[in-house]
Amino acid sequence: QEAEPLGAVEPLHQRPLDLHGPAHDVRALAGVLIDTFGFAPANITRLLSEQDTPPQRQATGANTRMALQELIDATRKGDTTLLYYSGHGSQWPDPHGDEVDGYDEAIVPADARDPQAAAPPQGDILDDELRNYLVRLYRKSPNLTVVFDCCHAATGTRAPASAPTTARRCAAPSASSASTPS
């Protein structure tokens, strides 16, 4: 089982957009994955952008892309994989005409919005690019869950309407049901 909780907390180039919840969300999810679902801590990669985060674990665009590729490389047939993103989401005008609303959705890494970066997307990771990673991951194991806890997440995976999806609410088992399989 592999998991990739990502949390872009503080965009480096636009401090007024700081969020305070994503780091907590990523840590809480990692705890649930380990304690409730039996994921090995070594199989959980966490990217954050808090001040004390080591550079190789900061939620930058480069580290996010590298972590996604590492997740693809580590995933084996039948693995259960999770990609969780908590942070800012954005939209950019769609230059390809493949979006019904005319906008590409994107996640916003911690180093995005650099005034020197090309605009669009100014360092954001667009849904088209995310889809390329997710298609490669899905081909290795269709046991894939993707959660975007951000604005503009509607087509963040760019999954076709025909893709198999299941929506369900997951809750930690209560003390009385913890020993009884459901």
N, C-alpha and C. Protein backbone atom coordinates (compact mmCIF):
# COMPACT_ATOMS: atom_id res chain seq x y z
N GLN A 1 0.84 -1.18 0.00
CA GLN A 1 0.00 0.00 0.00
C GLN A 1 0.88 1.23 0.00
N GLU A 2 0.58 2.15 -0.88
CA GLU A 2 1.35 3.38 -1.02
C GLU A 2 0.42 4.57 -0.86
N ALA A 3 0.92 5.64 -0.29
CA ALA A 3 0.10 6.85 -0.15
C ALA A 3 0.95 8.07 -0.40
N GLU A 4 0.32 9.10 -0.90
CA GLU A 4 1.02 10.33 -1.24
C GLU A 4 0.22 11.52 -0.73
N PRO A 5 0.19 11.75 0.61
CA PRO A 5 -0.51 12.95 1.08
C PRO A 5 0.34 14.20 0.82
N LEU A 6 -0.20 15.12 0.08
CA LEU A 6 0.49 16.36 -0.24
C LEU A 6 -0.22 17.50 0.45
N GLY A 7 0.53 18.43 1.01
CA GLY A 7 -0.10 19.57 1.64
C GLY A 7 0.66 20.85 1.35
N ALA A 8 0.16 21.64 0.46
CA ALA A 8 0.79 22.94 0.19
C ALA A 8 0.18 23.94 1.16
N VAL A 9 0.95 24.35 2.13
CA VAL A 9 0.42 25.17 3.21
C VAL A 9 0.65 26.65 2.97
N GLU A 10 1.85 27.03 2.66
CA GLU A 10 2.19 28.45 2.57
C GLU A 10 2.86 28.75 1.23
N PRO A 11 2.11 29.26 0.26
CA PRO A 11 2.76 29.65 -0.99
C PRO A 11 3.87 30.66 -0.72
N LEU A 12 5.05 30.39 -1.21
CA LEU A 12 6.22 31.22 -0.91
C LEU A 12 6.12 32.63 -1.49
N HIS A 13 5.43 32.78 -2.61
CA HIS A 13 5.41 34.07 -3.28
C HIS A 13 4.17 34.90 -2.98
N GLN A 14 3.20 34.34 -2.26
CA GLN A 14 2.01 35.10 -1.92
C GLN A 14 1.59 34.78 -0.49
N ARG A 15 2.32 35.25 0.46
CA ARG A 15 2.04 34.98 1.87
C ARG A 15 0.61 35.30 2.31
N PRO A 16 -0.06 36.30 1.73
CA PRO A 16 -1.43 36.54 2.19
C PRO A 16 -2.38 35.36 1.95
N LEU A 17 -1.99 34.40 1.10
CA LEU A 17 -2.84 33.26 0.80
C LEU A 17 -2.58 32.06 1.71
N ASP A 18 -1.78 32.25 2.75
CA ASP A 18 -1.43 31.14 3.63
C ASP A 18 -2.68 30.44 4.16
N LEU A 19 -2.60 29.13 4.18
CA LEU A 19 -3.63 28.31 4.81
C LEU A 19 -3.02 27.68 6.05
N HIS A 20 -3.83 27.42 7.03
CA HIS A 20 -3.30 26.86 8.27
C HIS A 20 -3.73 25.42 8.52
N GLY A 21 -4.67 24.90 7.73
CA GLY A 21 -5.19 23.56 7.95
C GLY A 21 -4.51 22.42 7.23
N PRO A 22 -3.94 22.63 6.04
CA PRO A 22 -3.42 21.49 5.29
C PRO A 22 -2.37 20.64 5.99
N ALA A 23 -1.44 21.23 6.70
CA ALA A 23 -0.42 20.44 7.39
C ALA A 23 -1.06 19.52 8.43
N HIS A 24 -2.03 20.06 9.17
CA HIS A 24 -2.75 19.24 10.13
C HIS A 24 -3.51 18.13 9.42
N ASP A 25 -4.17 18.46 8.30
CA ASP A 25 -4.93 17.46 7.55
C ASP A 25 -4.03 16.33 7.07
N VAL A 26 -2.86 16.67 6.55
CA VAL A 26 -1.93 15.67 6.04
C VAL A 26 -1.45 14.76 7.18
N ARG A 27 -1.12 15.35 8.32
CA ARG A 27 -0.69 14.53 9.47
C ARG A 27 -1.82 13.64 9.97
N ALA A 28 -3.03 14.19 10.04
CA ALA A 28 -4.17 13.41 10.51
C ALA A 28 -4.46 12.25 9.56
N LEU A 29 -4.42 12.51 8.27
CA LEU A 29 -4.66 11.45 7.30
C LEU A 29 -3.59 10.37 7.40
N ALA A 30 -2.33 10.76 7.55
CA ALA A 30 -1.27 9.77 7.70
C ALA A 30 -1.53 8.89 8.92
N GLY A 31 -1.99 9.48 10.01
CA GLY A 31 -2.32 8.70 11.21
C GLY A 31 -3.44 7.70 10.94
N VAL A 32 -4.47 8.11 10.22
CA VAL A 32 -5.57 7.20 9.88
C VAL A 32 -5.07 6.09 8.97
N LEU A 33 -4.25 6.44 8.00
CA LEU A 33 -3.74 5.42 7.08
C LEU A 33 -2.93 4.36 7.83
N ILE A 34 -2.13 4.80 8.78
CA ILE A 34 -1.29 3.88 9.54
C ILE A 34 -2.11 3.11 10.57
N ASP A 35 -2.85 3.83 11.41
CA ASP A 35 -3.53 3.20 12.55
C ASP A 35 -4.80 2.44 12.17
N THR A 36 -5.53 2.91 11.18
CA THR A 36 -6.80 2.29 10.84
C THR A 36 -6.70 1.35 9.63
N PHE A 37 -5.92 1.74 8.64
CA PHE A 37 -5.89 0.97 7.40
C PHE A 37 -4.61 0.16 7.20
N GLY A 38 -3.67 0.24 8.13
CA GLY A 38 -2.49 -0.61 8.09
C GLY A 38 -1.42 -0.25 7.09
N PHE A 39 -1.41 0.99 6.63
CA PHE A 39 -0.32 1.41 5.74
C PHE A 39 0.97 1.46 6.56
N ALA A 40 2.06 1.05 5.96
CA ALA A 40 3.37 1.16 6.62
C ALA A 40 3.83 2.62 6.55
N PRO A 41 4.33 3.17 7.66
CA PRO A 41 4.81 4.56 7.63
C PRO A 41 5.82 4.82 6.51
N ALA A 42 6.66 3.84 6.19
CA ALA A 42 7.66 4.03 5.13
C ALA A 42 7.02 4.18 3.75
N ASN A 43 5.76 3.77 3.62
CA ASN A 43 5.08 3.86 2.34
C ASN A 43 4.23 5.12 2.20
N ILE A 44 4.39 6.03 3.14
CA ILE A 44 3.64 7.28 3.10
C ILE A 44 4.62 8.44 2.92
N THR A 45 4.43 9.16 1.84
CA THR A 45 5.26 10.33 1.57
C THR A 45 4.44 11.57 1.88
N ARG A 46 4.99 12.46 2.69
CA ARG A 46 4.31 13.70 3.04
C ARG A 46 5.13 14.88 2.56
N LEU A 47 4.49 15.74 1.80
CA LEU A 47 5.12 16.99 1.38
C LEU A 47 4.38 18.13 2.07
N LEU A 48 5.14 18.99 2.72
CA LEU A 48 4.57 20.12 3.45
C LEU A 48 5.33 21.39 3.07
N SER A 49 4.84 22.51 3.52
CA SER A 49 5.58 23.75 3.26
C SER A 49 5.69 24.61 4.51
N GLU A 50 5.75 23.94 5.64
CA GLU A 50 5.97 24.68 6.89
C GLU A 50 7.43 25.09 6.98
N GLN A 51 7.69 26.08 7.81
CA GLN A 51 9.03 26.64 7.93
C GLN A 51 10.10 25.59 8.21
N ASP A 52 9.82 24.60 9.05
CA ASP A 52 10.84 23.63 9.46
C ASP A 52 10.88 22.38 8.58
N THR A 53 10.20 22.38 7.45
CA THR A 53 10.19 21.24 6.55
C THR A 53 11.51 21.18 5.79
N PRO A 54 12.18 20.00 5.79
CA PRO A 54 13.43 19.88 5.02
C PRO A 54 13.15 20.13 3.53
N PRO A 55 14.12 20.67 2.81
CA PRO A 55 13.90 21.02 1.39
C PRO A 55 13.36 19.87 0.54
N GLN A 56 13.82 18.65 0.77
CA GLN A 56 13.38 17.52 -0.04
C GLN A 56 11.94 17.09 0.26
N ARG A 57 11.34 17.62 1.33
CA ARG A 57 9.96 17.29 1.70
C ARG A 57 9.04 18.51 1.61
N GLN A 58 9.55 19.60 1.02
CA GLN A 58 8.70 20.78 0.83
C GLN A 58 7.76 20.54 -0.35
N ALA A 59 6.57 21.08 -0.26
CA ALA A 59 5.54 20.87 -1.28
C ALA A 59 5.74 21.81 -2.47
N THR A 60 6.91 21.74 -3.06
CA THR A 60 7.21 22.54 -4.24
C THR A 60 6.69 21.81 -5.49
N GLY A 61 6.64 22.51 -6.59
CA GLY A 61 6.23 21.87 -7.84
C GLY A 61 7.16 20.73 -8.21
N ALA A 62 8.47 20.96 -8.12
CA ALA A 62 9.44 19.92 -8.48
C ALA A 62 9.32 18.71 -7.56
N ASN A 63 9.21 18.94 -6.26
CA ASN A 63 9.09 17.81 -5.32
C ASN A 63 7.77 17.07 -5.52
N THR A 64 6.69 17.79 -5.84
CA THR A 64 5.41 17.15 -6.09
C THR A 64 5.51 16.24 -7.32
N ARG A 65 6.07 16.75 -8.38
CA ARG A 65 6.25 15.93 -9.58
C ARG A 65 7.14 14.72 -9.31
N MET A 66 8.22 14.92 -8.57
CA MET A 66 9.12 13.82 -8.25
C MET A 66 8.41 12.78 -7.37
N ALA A 67 7.63 13.23 -6.40
CA ALA A 67 6.91 12.30 -5.52
C ALA A 67 5.86 11.52 -6.30
N LEU A 68 5.19 12.17 -7.23
CA LEU A 68 4.21 11.46 -8.06
C LEU A 68 4.89 10.38 -8.89
N GLN A 69 6.04 10.71 -9.47
CA GLN A 69 6.78 9.72 -10.26
C GLN A 69 7.27 8.57 -9.37
N GLU A 70 7.74 8.88 -8.17
CA GLU A 70 8.18 7.84 -7.24
C GLU A 70 7.01 6.94 -6.84
N LEU A 71 5.83 7.53 -6.67
CA LEU A 71 4.64 6.74 -6.35
C LEU A 71 4.32 5.78 -7.50
N ILE A 72 4.39 6.28 -8.72
CA ILE A 72 4.15 5.43 -9.89
C ILE A 72 5.18 4.29 -9.92
N ASP A 73 6.44 4.63 -9.73
CA ASP A 73 7.52 3.63 -9.78
C ASP A 73 7.37 2.56 -8.70
N ALA A 74 6.90 2.95 -7.51
CA ALA A 74 6.80 2.02 -6.38
C ALA A 74 5.53 1.17 -6.41
N THR A 75 4.53 1.59 -7.16
CA THR A 75 3.24 0.89 -7.17
C THR A 75 3.35 -0.40 -7.98
N ARG A 76 2.81 -1.46 -7.39
CA ARG A 76 2.77 -2.79 -8.03
C ARG A 76 1.32 -3.17 -8.29
N LYS A 77 1.12 -4.11 -9.21
CA LYS A 77 -0.22 -4.59 -9.52
C LYS A 77 -0.93 -5.02 -8.24
N GLY A 78 -2.15 -4.54 -8.06
CA GLY A 78 -2.94 -4.89 -6.89
C GLY A 78 -2.74 -3.98 -5.69
N ASP A 79 -1.76 -3.09 -5.73
CA ASP A 79 -1.56 -2.16 -4.61
C ASP A 79 -2.75 -1.22 -4.48
N THR A 80 -2.98 -0.78 -3.27
CA THR A 80 -3.94 0.27 -3.00
C THR A 80 -3.16 1.56 -2.90
N THR A 81 -3.53 2.54 -3.71
CA THR A 81 -2.80 3.81 -3.70
C THR A 81 -3.75 4.96 -3.41
N LEU A 82 -3.19 5.98 -2.79
CA LEU A 82 -3.95 7.17 -2.43
C LEU A 82 -3.11 8.39 -2.76
N LEU A 83 -3.75 9.35 -3.40
CA LEU A 83 -3.15 10.66 -3.60
C LEU A 83 -4.08 11.65 -2.93
N TYR A 84 -3.57 12.38 -1.95
CA TYR A 84 -4.37 13.36 -1.22
C TYR A 84 -3.66 14.70 -1.31
N TYR A 85 -4.40 15.72 -1.72
CA TYR A 85 -3.86 17.07 -1.79
C TYR A 85 -4.73 17.98 -0.95
N SER A 86 -4.12 18.74 -0.09
CA SER A 86 -4.81 19.75 0.71
C SER A 86 -4.05 21.05 0.54
N GLY A 87 -4.72 22.06 0.04
CA GLY A 87 -4.06 23.34 -0.19
C GLY A 87 -4.89 24.19 -1.11
N HIS A 88 -4.23 25.10 -1.80
CA HIS A 88 -4.92 25.99 -2.73
C HIS A 88 -5.14 25.30 -4.07
N GLY A 89 -6.28 25.59 -4.67
CA GLY A 89 -6.57 25.19 -6.03
C GLY A 89 -6.81 26.45 -6.84
N SER A 90 -6.68 26.33 -8.14
CA SER A 90 -6.87 27.52 -8.98
C SER A 90 -7.44 27.11 -10.33
N GLN A 91 -7.72 28.11 -11.13
CA GLN A 91 -8.17 27.90 -12.50
C GLN A 91 -7.38 28.82 -13.42
N TRP A 92 -7.14 28.33 -14.64
CA TRP A 92 -6.46 29.11 -15.66
C TRP A 92 -7.24 28.94 -16.96
N PRO A 93 -7.27 29.97 -17.81
CA PRO A 93 -7.95 29.82 -19.10
C PRO A 93 -7.40 28.60 -19.85
N ASP A 94 -8.32 27.82 -20.41
CA ASP A 94 -7.97 26.58 -21.11
C ASP A 94 -7.55 26.88 -22.55
N PRO A 95 -6.27 26.70 -22.88
CA PRO A 95 -5.81 27.01 -24.23
C PRO A 95 -6.16 25.92 -25.25
N HIS A 96 -6.59 24.73 -24.78
CA HIS A 96 -6.83 23.60 -25.69
C HIS A 96 -8.29 23.40 -26.05
N GLY A 97 -9.19 24.09 -25.36
CA GLY A 97 -10.61 23.96 -25.65
C GLY A 97 -11.24 22.66 -25.20
N ASP A 98 -10.61 21.95 -24.25
CA ASP A 98 -11.15 20.67 -23.81
C ASP A 98 -11.91 20.77 -22.48
N GLU A 99 -12.07 21.98 -21.97
CA GLU A 99 -12.80 22.18 -20.72
C GLU A 99 -14.16 22.80 -21.01
N VAL A 100 -15.21 22.19 -20.49
CA VAL A 100 -16.57 22.69 -20.73
C VAL A 100 -16.71 24.13 -20.26
N ASP A 101 -16.10 24.45 -19.12
CA ASP A 101 -16.23 25.81 -18.58
C ASP A 101 -15.17 26.76 -19.10
N GLY A 102 -14.25 26.26 -19.94
CA GLY A 102 -13.21 27.12 -20.51
C GLY A 102 -12.00 27.33 -19.62
N TYR A 103 -11.93 26.58 -18.48
CA TYR A 103 -10.82 26.75 -17.55
C TYR A 103 -10.19 25.41 -17.18
N ASP A 104 -8.86 25.38 -17.12
CA ASP A 104 -8.13 24.25 -16.55
C ASP A 104 -8.10 24.45 -15.04
N GLU A 105 -8.29 23.36 -14.30
CA GLU A 105 -8.14 23.41 -12.85
C GLU A 105 -6.69 23.07 -12.52
N ALA A 106 -6.24 23.49 -11.34
CA ALA A 106 -4.84 23.28 -10.97
C ALA A 106 -4.70 23.22 -9.46
N ILE A 107 -3.61 22.55 -9.04
CA ILE A 107 -3.20 22.64 -7.64
C ILE A 107 -2.06 23.64 -7.59
N VAL A 108 -1.87 24.25 -6.43
CA VAL A 108 -0.92 25.35 -6.29
C VAL A 108 0.20 24.92 -5.34
N PRO A 109 1.34 24.50 -5.88
CA PRO A 109 2.47 24.13 -5.00
C PRO A 109 2.97 25.33 -4.20
N ALA A 110 3.75 25.05 -3.19
CA ALA A 110 4.23 26.10 -2.29
C ALA A 110 5.08 27.14 -3.00
N ASP A 111 5.76 26.76 -4.08
CA ASP A 111 6.62 27.71 -4.77
C ASP A 111 5.96 28.32 -6.00
N ALA A 112 4.66 28.10 -6.17
CA ALA A 112 3.95 28.68 -7.30
C ALA A 112 3.74 30.18 -7.09
N ARG A 113 3.27 30.81 -8.13
CA ARG A 113 2.98 32.24 -8.14
C ARG A 113 4.23 33.09 -8.10
N ASP A 114 5.33 32.49 -8.53
CA ASP A 114 6.57 33.22 -8.66
C ASP A 114 6.38 34.27 -9.76
N PRO A 115 6.60 35.54 -9.46
CA PRO A 115 6.41 36.57 -10.48
C PRO A 115 7.31 36.37 -11.70
N GLN A 116 8.38 35.59 -11.56
CA GLN A 116 9.27 35.33 -12.69
C GLN A 116 8.83 34.14 -13.53
N ALA A 117 7.88 33.34 -13.04
CA ALA A 117 7.44 32.14 -13.74
C ALA A 117 6.48 32.51 -14.88
N ALA A 118 6.44 31.62 -15.85
CA ALA A 118 5.55 31.84 -16.99
C ALA A 118 4.10 31.85 -16.53
N ALA A 119 3.34 32.77 -17.09
CA ALA A 119 1.91 32.82 -16.76
C ALA A 119 1.12 32.71 -18.05
N PRO A 120 0.08 31.92 -18.08
CA PRO A 120 -0.20 30.87 -17.11
C PRO A 120 0.74 29.68 -17.29
N PRO A 121 0.85 28.81 -16.33
CA PRO A 121 0.15 28.70 -15.07
C PRO A 121 0.94 29.19 -13.88
N GLN A 122 2.03 29.89 -14.07
CA GLN A 122 2.79 30.51 -12.98
C GLN A 122 3.19 29.52 -11.89
N GLY A 123 3.53 28.30 -12.29
CA GLY A 123 3.99 27.30 -11.33
C GLY A 123 2.92 26.36 -10.84
N ASP A 124 1.64 26.63 -11.14
CA ASP A 124 0.58 25.71 -10.75
C ASP A 124 0.71 24.43 -11.57
N ILE A 125 0.19 23.33 -11.04
CA ILE A 125 0.20 22.05 -11.75
C ILE A 125 -1.21 21.83 -12.28
N LEU A 126 -1.36 21.92 -13.61
CA LEU A 126 -2.66 21.84 -14.24
C LEU A 126 -3.23 20.43 -14.25
N ASP A 127 -4.57 20.36 -14.35
CA ASP A 127 -5.25 19.07 -14.37
C ASP A 127 -4.77 18.18 -15.52
N ASP A 128 -4.39 18.75 -16.65
CA ASP A 128 -3.90 17.95 -17.77
C ASP A 128 -2.62 17.21 -17.37
N GLU A 129 -1.72 17.88 -16.67
CA GLU A 129 -0.48 17.24 -16.22
C GLU A 129 -0.78 16.21 -15.13
N LEU A 130 -1.64 16.55 -14.19
CA LEU A 130 -2.00 15.59 -13.14
C LEU A 130 -2.60 14.33 -13.74
N ARG A 131 -3.45 14.50 -14.75
CA ARG A 131 -4.07 13.35 -15.39
C ARG A 131 -3.01 12.42 -15.97
N ASN A 132 -1.96 12.96 -16.57
CA ASN A 132 -0.90 12.12 -17.12
C ASN A 132 -0.28 11.24 -16.05
N TYR A 133 -0.02 11.79 -14.87
CA TYR A 133 0.51 10.99 -13.77
C TYR A 133 -0.51 9.94 -13.33
N LEU A 134 -1.76 10.36 -13.18
CA LEU A 134 -2.79 9.46 -12.66
C LEU A 134 -3.10 8.32 -13.62
N VAL A 135 -3.07 8.57 -14.91
CA VAL A 135 -3.29 7.50 -15.89
C VAL A 135 -2.19 6.46 -15.76
N ARG A 136 -0.96 6.89 -15.65
CA ARG A 136 0.16 5.94 -15.50
C ARG A 136 0.04 5.16 -14.20
N LEU A 137 -0.39 5.82 -13.13
CA LEU A 137 -0.57 5.14 -11.84
C LEU A 137 -1.72 4.15 -11.92
N TYR A 138 -2.82 4.56 -12.52
CA TYR A 138 -4.01 3.70 -12.64
C TYR A 138 -3.70 2.45 -13.47
N ARG A 139 -2.87 2.59 -14.49
CA ARG A 139 -2.50 1.43 -15.33
C ARG A 139 -1.73 0.39 -14.52
N LYS A 140 -1.01 0.83 -13.52
CA LYS A 140 -0.27 -0.12 -12.67
C LYS A 140 -1.18 -0.79 -11.66
N SER A 141 -2.13 -0.03 -11.11
CA SER A 141 -3.09 -0.58 -10.16
C SER A 141 -4.33 0.30 -10.15
N PRO A 142 -5.48 -0.28 -10.51
CA PRO A 142 -6.70 0.52 -10.53
C PRO A 142 -7.27 0.82 -9.14
N ASN A 143 -6.63 0.30 -8.09
CA ASN A 143 -7.07 0.57 -6.71
C ASN A 143 -6.54 1.94 -6.29
N LEU A 144 -7.04 2.97 -6.93
CA LEU A 144 -6.52 4.32 -6.77
C LEU A 144 -7.61 5.23 -6.22
N THR A 145 -7.27 5.96 -5.17
CA THR A 145 -8.17 6.97 -4.62
C THR A 145 -7.46 8.31 -4.71
N VAL A 146 -8.17 9.30 -5.21
CA VAL A 146 -7.63 10.66 -5.34
C VAL A 146 -8.57 11.61 -4.61
N VAL A 147 -8.02 12.41 -3.72
CA VAL A 147 -8.80 13.40 -2.97
C VAL A 147 -8.12 14.75 -3.13
N PHE A 148 -8.86 15.72 -3.65
CA PHE A 148 -8.39 17.09 -3.73
C PHE A 148 -9.21 17.92 -2.76
N ASP A 149 -8.59 18.37 -1.68
CA ASP A 149 -9.23 19.23 -0.69
C ASP A 149 -8.79 20.66 -0.99
N CYS A 150 -9.38 21.23 -2.04
CA CYS A 150 -8.98 22.56 -2.48
C CYS A 150 -10.09 23.16 -3.34
N CYS A 151 -9.98 24.43 -3.58
CA CYS A 151 -10.92 25.08 -4.50
C CYS A 151 -10.68 24.57 -5.92
N HIS A 152 -11.70 24.62 -6.73
CA HIS A 152 -11.63 24.29 -8.16
C HIS A 152 -11.18 22.86 -8.42
N ALA A 153 -11.62 21.92 -7.60
CA ALA A 153 -11.20 20.53 -7.73
C ALA A 153 -12.08 19.72 -8.67
N ALA A 154 -13.09 20.32 -9.25
CA ALA A 154 -14.11 19.58 -10.01
C ALA A 154 -13.54 18.64 -11.05
N THR A 155 -12.65 19.09 -11.90
CA THR A 155 -12.06 18.20 -12.90
C THR A 155 -10.57 18.07 -12.69
N GLY A 156 -10.15 18.08 -11.45
CA GLY A 156 -8.73 18.02 -11.13
C GLY A 156 -8.02 16.78 -11.64
N THR A 157 -8.75 15.68 -11.82
CA THR A 157 -8.11 14.46 -12.33
C THR A 157 -8.25 14.34 -13.83
N ARG A 158 -9.15 15.11 -14.42
CA ARG A 158 -9.44 15.04 -15.85
C ARG A 158 -9.87 13.63 -16.24
N ALA A 159 -10.45 12.89 -15.29
CA ALA A 159 -10.93 11.54 -15.58
C ALA A 159 -12.10 11.61 -16.54
N PRO A 160 -12.12 10.70 -17.53
CA PRO A 160 -13.26 10.70 -18.44
C PRO A 160 -14.53 10.30 -17.71
N ALA A 161 -15.66 10.73 -18.23
CA ALA A 161 -16.95 10.42 -17.60
C ALA A 161 -17.17 8.92 -17.49
N SER A 162 -16.54 8.14 -18.36
CA SER A 162 -16.72 6.68 -18.34
C SER A 162 -15.84 5.98 -17.32
N ALA A 163 -14.94 6.70 -16.65
CA ALA A 163 -14.03 6.08 -15.69
C ALA A 163 -14.83 5.54 -14.50
N PRO A 164 -14.43 4.35 -14.02
CA PRO A 164 -15.15 3.81 -12.86
C PRO A 164 -14.85 4.64 -11.62
N THR A 165 -15.88 5.10 -10.96
CA THR A 165 -15.71 5.89 -9.74
C THR A 165 -16.68 5.41 -8.69
N THR A 166 -16.29 5.56 -7.47
CA THR A 166 -17.16 5.26 -6.35
C THR A 166 -17.00 6.39 -5.35
N ALA A 167 -18.11 6.96 -4.95
CA ALA A 167 -18.07 7.98 -3.91
C ALA A 167 -18.64 7.37 -2.65
N ARG A 168 -17.92 7.50 -1.56
CA ARG A 168 -18.45 7.02 -0.30
C ARG A 168 -17.81 7.78 0.84
N ARG A 169 -18.52 7.77 1.94
CA ARG A 169 -18.05 8.44 3.15
C ARG A 169 -17.34 7.40 4.00
N CYS A 170 -16.13 7.69 4.39
CA CYS A 170 -15.37 6.77 5.24
C CYS A 170 -15.25 7.37 6.63
N ALA A 171 -15.47 6.58 7.62
CA ALA A 171 -15.32 7.04 9.00
C ALA A 171 -14.53 6.01 9.77
N ALA A 172 -13.80 6.47 10.75
CA ALA A 172 -13.06 5.56 11.61
C ALA A 172 -14.05 4.67 12.35
N PRO A 173 -13.72 3.39 12.51
CA PRO A 173 -14.64 2.51 13.21
C PRO A 173 -14.81 2.94 14.66
N SER A 174 -16.02 2.73 15.19
CA SER A 174 -16.26 3.04 16.59
C SER A 174 -15.64 1.94 17.44
N ALA A 175 -15.46 2.20 18.70
CA ALA A 175 -14.85 1.22 19.60
C ALA A 175 -15.62 -0.08 19.61
N SER A 176 -16.96 -0.02 19.53
CA SER A 176 -17.77 -1.24 19.58
C SER A 176 -17.72 -2.05 18.30
N SER A 177 -17.41 -1.40 17.14
CA SER A 177 -17.36 -2.15 15.89
C SER A 177 -15.96 -2.45 15.43
N ALA A 178 -14.95 -2.03 16.19
CA ALA A 178 -13.56 -2.20 15.75
C ALA A 178 -13.17 -3.66 15.61
N SER A 179 -13.74 -4.55 16.40
CA SER A 179 -13.33 -5.94 16.32
C SER A 179 -14.26 -6.77 15.43
N THR A 180 -15.33 -6.17 14.92
CA THR A 180 -16.27 -6.89 14.08
C THR A 180 -16.12 -6.45 12.64
N PRO A 181 -15.73 -7.39 11.74
CA PRO A 181 -15.62 -7.00 10.34
C PRO A 181 -16.99 -6.63 9.78
N SER A 182 -17.01 -5.65 8.92
CA SER A 182 -18.30 -5.26 8.33
C SER A 182 -18.40 -5.70 6.89
